[in-house]
Amino acid sequence: MNPHSLPLALTPTGTKVAVTALIGGREMQRRMTELGIVVGHELRVIRGGNCGPLVVAVGETRLALGQELSRKILVTIAP
């Protein structure tokens, strides 16, 4: 895990991020992999914020993630 990682939930709208870790059990990690959220892949935050779902772009796909789940996805700001 990168010391500069932060939870996806804290990432502002419009930011490109790289996934650095998934904090959760095997089932959670399997589900994230199925959705394309994999360590090393980039995401773009379409809608951030402290309440309501986050909306992220994974390639051309848009996903809505709840606050609890988005706190278990650690990211770094992509260059």
Protein backbone atom coordinates (compact mmCIF):
# COMPACT_ATOMS: atom_id res chain seq x y z
CA MET A 1 0.00 0.00 0.00
CA ASN A 2 1.24 3.45 -0.94
CA PRO A 3 1.65 5.91 1.99
CA HIS A 4 0.06 8.61 -0.19
CA SER A 5 -3.12 6.58 -0.74
CA LEU A 6 -6.49 7.93 0.28
CA PRO A 7 -9.98 6.45 0.20
CA LEU A 8 -11.85 6.97 -3.05
CA ALA A 9 -14.63 8.60 -1.00
CA LEU A 10 -12.35 11.58 -0.31
CA THR A 11 -11.42 12.20 -3.94
CA PRO A 12 -12.85 15.38 -5.53
CA THR A 13 -15.04 15.37 -8.63
CA GLY A 14 -13.11 15.38 -11.91
CA THR A 15 -9.98 13.72 -10.51
CA LYS A 16 -8.19 10.86 -12.25
CA VAL A 17 -6.94 8.28 -9.77
CA ALA A 18 -5.05 5.00 -9.78
CA VAL A 19 -6.29 2.17 -7.56
CA THR A 20 -3.60 1.16 -5.04
CA ALA A 21 -5.49 -1.27 -2.76
CA LEU A 22 -8.84 -2.89 -2.08
CA ILE A 23 -9.60 -3.32 1.61
CA GLY A 24 -12.09 -6.12 2.04
CA GLY A 25 -12.70 -9.79 1.89
CA ARG A 26 -12.32 -12.14 -1.04
CA GLU A 27 -15.93 -11.60 -2.18
CA MET A 28 -15.58 -7.81 -2.20
CA GLN A 29 -12.33 -8.04 -4.15
CA ARG A 30 -13.88 -10.48 -6.63
CA ARG A 31 -16.84 -8.15 -7.20
CA MET A 32 -14.59 -5.13 -7.72
CA THR A 33 -12.52 -7.11 -10.24
CA GLU A 34 -15.72 -8.00 -12.12
CA LEU A 35 -16.57 -4.29 -12.29
CA GLY A 36 -13.08 -3.39 -13.57
CA ILE A 37 -11.83 -1.82 -10.34
CA VAL A 38 -8.44 -3.50 -10.10
CA VAL A 39 -5.20 -2.45 -8.40
CA GLY A 40 -3.16 -0.50 -10.94
CA HIS A 41 -6.12 0.60 -13.09
CA GLU A 42 -7.16 4.23 -13.48
CA LEU A 43 -10.59 5.62 -12.64
CA ARG A 44 -12.08 9.07 -13.15
CA VAL A 45 -14.36 10.51 -10.47
CA ILE A 46 -17.50 11.83 -12.18
CA ARG A 47 -19.28 12.73 -8.95
CA GLY A 48 -17.54 12.87 -5.59
CA GLY A 49 -18.74 14.13 -2.25
CA ASN A 50 -19.36 13.15 1.34
CA CYS A 51 -22.97 12.06 0.89
CA GLY A 52 -24.75 9.88 -1.60
CA PRO A 53 -23.14 7.56 -4.10
CA LEU A 54 -19.91 8.34 -5.93
CA VAL A 55 -19.97 7.96 -9.68
CA VAL A 56 -16.74 6.80 -11.30
CA ALA A 57 -15.74 6.05 -14.87
CA VAL A 58 -13.96 2.77 -15.49
CA GLY A 59 -13.04 3.10 -19.14
CA GLU A 60 -16.34 3.90 -20.89
CA THR A 61 -18.44 2.39 -18.07
CA ARG A 62 -19.98 4.50 -15.31
CA LEU A 63 -20.45 2.97 -11.86
CA ALA A 64 -22.25 4.28 -8.79
CA LEU A 65 -20.54 3.23 -5.55
CA GLY A 66 -21.91 3.70 -2.06
CA GLN A 67 -19.98 5.65 0.56
CA GLU A 68 -19.09 2.56 2.61
CA LEU A 69 -17.66 0.71 -0.39
CA SER A 70 -15.83 3.76 -1.71
CA ARG A 71 -13.98 4.04 1.62
CA LYS A 72 -12.54 0.55 1.03
CA ILE A 73 -10.96 1.47 -2.31
CA LEU A 74 -7.61 3.21 -1.82
CA VAL A 75 -6.29 5.41 -4.60
CA THR A 76 -3.56 7.90 -5.48
CA ILE A 77 -4.01 10.92 -7.71
CA ALA A 78 -2.93 9.98 -11.24
CA PRO A 79 -0.55 12.28 -13.14
